[in-house]
Amino acid sequence: MNGIWYVLLFARRGVTPEVLESFKKQLESIEGRSFDKWRRFLGNTPKGPRLFYKDFILTGTMAGFVEPAFGGGITGALLSGKISAMAVTDPKKAEVEFNRFADGIKKVIERKRKRRGKYMPSLRMGKIWFKLP
């Protein structure tokens, strides 16, 4: 848009220089684009879902309302936004709805904690997207 390009490359434990180089080559071969400058960002997610915090109504990632296997999702964002909007006029009903959907998230988080970092909810996508050594 407006001559500006951005590319997001996600990783659970940081993007190594080798992975970034592999990604750059794929980007150039597929999109015909290359970038001289890359900015690194670190993002965090909450420990668990919650609709309210102090005087705030939380939504989306801030509410911990993320799809636990991949960490995102349009459907979850829309659903969380709808529930948070409901919380303005009917906080109790919103909390019931939030908990109904967040229950699955809580269960996945608990499974991940029990496995101590060994829980892999999906295929190792890096091995599909990149040819890693």
Protein backbone atom coordinates (compact mmCIF):
# COMPACT_ATOMS: atom_id res chain seq x y z
CA MET A 1 0.00 0.00 0.00
CA ASN A 2 1.39 3.42 -0.93
CA GLY A 3 4.66 1.81 -1.96
CA ILE A 4 5.23 0.42 1.52
CA TRP A 5 5.86 -3.28 2.02
CA TYR A 6 6.07 -5.19 5.24
CA VAL A 7 6.71 -8.84 5.90
CA LEU A 8 6.14 -10.72 9.13
CA LEU A 9 8.23 -13.75 9.97
CA PHE A 10 7.12 -15.47 13.17
CA ALA A 11 9.21 -17.78 15.32
CA ARG A 12 8.76 -19.32 18.74
CA ARG A 13 12.37 -18.84 19.82
CA GLY A 14 13.72 -16.07 17.63
CA VAL A 15 14.71 -15.92 13.99
CA THR A 16 18.26 -17.10 13.43
CA PRO A 17 20.40 -15.38 10.77
CA GLU A 18 20.28 -18.60 8.69
CA VAL A 19 16.48 -18.73 8.77
CA LEU A 20 16.25 -15.04 7.87
CA GLU A 21 18.60 -15.57 4.89
CA SER A 22 16.53 -18.53 3.72
CA PHE A 23 13.36 -16.47 4.05
CA LYS A 24 14.92 -13.56 2.11
CA LYS A 25 15.80 -15.92 -0.76
CA GLN A 26 12.29 -17.36 -0.84
CA LEU A 27 10.76 -13.89 -0.74
CA GLU A 28 12.92 -12.78 -3.65
CA SER A 29 12.21 -15.88 -5.73
CA ILE A 30 8.45 -15.90 -5.07
CA GLU A 31 7.61 -12.19 -4.82
CA GLY A 32 10.54 -10.70 -6.70
CA ARG A 33 11.21 -8.43 -3.72
CA SER A 34 14.20 -7.87 -1.50
CA PHE A 35 14.70 -5.68 1.53
CA ASP A 36 17.89 -4.04 2.72
CA LYS A 37 16.63 -3.34 6.21
CA TRP A 38 14.82 -5.65 8.65
CA ARG A 39 13.40 -4.66 12.02
CA ARG A 40 12.96 -7.21 14.74
CA PHE A 41 10.03 -7.10 17.10
CA LEU A 42 9.36 -9.15 20.18
CA GLY A 43 5.77 -9.90 21.10
CA ASN A 44 4.31 -11.50 24.18
CA THR A 45 0.97 -13.01 25.02
CA PRO A 46 -0.81 -13.09 28.38
CA LYS A 47 -0.54 -16.14 30.65
CA GLY A 48 -4.22 -16.88 30.30
CA PRO A 49 -7.54 -15.44 29.18
CA ARG A 50 -9.32 -12.76 31.19
CA LEU A 51 -12.08 -10.39 30.14
CA PHE A 52 -11.69 -7.80 32.91
CA TYR A 53 -8.64 -6.25 34.53
CA LYS A 54 -9.22 -3.51 37.12
CA ASP A 55 -11.50 -0.98 35.36
CA PHE A 56 -10.64 -2.22 31.87
CA ILE A 57 -12.47 -4.50 29.48
CA LEU A 58 -9.87 -6.52 27.59
CA THR A 59 -10.18 -7.95 24.11
CA GLY A 60 -8.17 -9.96 21.60
CA THR A 61 -4.56 -10.70 22.46
CA MET A 62 -4.68 -8.40 25.50
CA ALA A 63 -7.44 -10.61 26.89
CA GLY A 64 -5.40 -13.74 26.19
CA PHE A 65 -8.06 -14.66 23.66
CA VAL A 66 -5.74 -16.22 21.12
CA GLU A 67 -6.02 -19.46 19.26
CA PRO A 68 -3.54 -21.53 21.30
CA ALA A 69 -2.02 -23.65 18.55
CA PHE A 70 -0.98 -20.85 16.23
CA GLY A 71 -1.37 -17.71 18.36
CA GLY A 72 -3.78 -15.74 16.21
CA GLY A 73 -6.88 -15.85 14.09
CA ILE A 74 -9.48 -13.56 12.57
CA THR A 75 -12.40 -15.56 13.96
CA GLY A 76 -11.06 -15.26 17.51
CA ALA A 77 -10.50 -11.53 17.07
CA LEU A 78 -14.07 -10.97 15.87
CA LEU A 79 -15.54 -13.13 18.60
CA SER A 80 -13.47 -11.49 21.32
CA GLY A 81 -14.43 -8.02 20.09
CA LYS A 82 -18.11 -8.91 20.11
CA ILE A 83 -17.90 -10.28 23.67
CA SER A 84 -15.93 -7.23 24.87
CA ALA A 85 -18.53 -4.90 23.36
CA MET A 86 -21.24 -6.88 25.15
CA ALA A 87 -19.34 -6.35 28.43
CA VAL A 88 -20.07 -2.62 28.26
CA THR A 89 -23.82 -3.14 28.74
CA ASP A 90 -24.03 -6.65 30.25
CA PRO A 91 -20.79 -7.64 32.01
CA LYS A 92 -22.17 -10.85 33.54
CA LYS A 93 -23.51 -12.19 30.25
CA ALA A 94 -20.25 -11.24 28.52
CA GLU A 95 -18.21 -13.08 31.14
CA VAL A 96 -20.31 -16.23 30.67
CA GLU A 97 -19.75 -16.05 26.90
CA PHE A 98 -16.06 -15.27 27.31
CA ASN A 99 -15.55 -18.24 29.62
CA ARG A 100 -17.48 -20.51 27.28
CA PHE A 101 -15.02 -19.80 24.48
CA ALA A 102 -11.92 -19.28 26.61
CA ASP A 103 -12.32 -22.65 28.35
CA GLY A 104 -10.63 -24.40 25.42
CA ILE A 105 -7.77 -21.90 25.51
CA LYS A 106 -7.27 -22.54 29.24
CA LYS A 107 -7.15 -26.31 28.65
CA VAL A 108 -4.52 -25.99 25.93
CA ILE A 109 -2.40 -23.67 28.09
CA GLU A 110 -2.58 -26.19 30.93
CA ARG A 111 -1.51 -29.03 28.60
CA LYS A 112 1.42 -26.90 27.42
CA ARG A 113 2.49 -26.23 31.02
CA LYS A 114 2.32 -29.91 31.93
CA ARG A 115 4.51 -30.83 28.98
CA ARG A 116 7.08 -28.13 29.96
CA GLY A 117 7.68 -26.70 26.51
CA LYS A 118 7.40 -30.04 24.69
CA TYR A 119 3.85 -29.42 23.52
CA MET A 120 3.73 -28.91 19.78
CA PRO A 121 0.13 -28.20 18.75
CA SER A 122 0.89 -28.16 15.05
CA LEU A 123 3.41 -29.44 12.59
CA ARG A 124 6.75 -27.74 12.78
CA MET A 125 5.77 -25.15 10.22
CA GLY A 126 9.32 -23.88 9.92
CA LYS A 127 10.31 -27.16 8.32
CA ILE A 128 7.53 -26.76 5.80
CA TRP A 129 8.09 -23.09 5.01
CA PHE A 130 11.87 -23.08 5.09
CA LYS A 131 14.54 -25.56 4.23
CA LEU A 132 16.33 -25.61 7.53
CA PRO A 133 19.62 -27.44 8.15
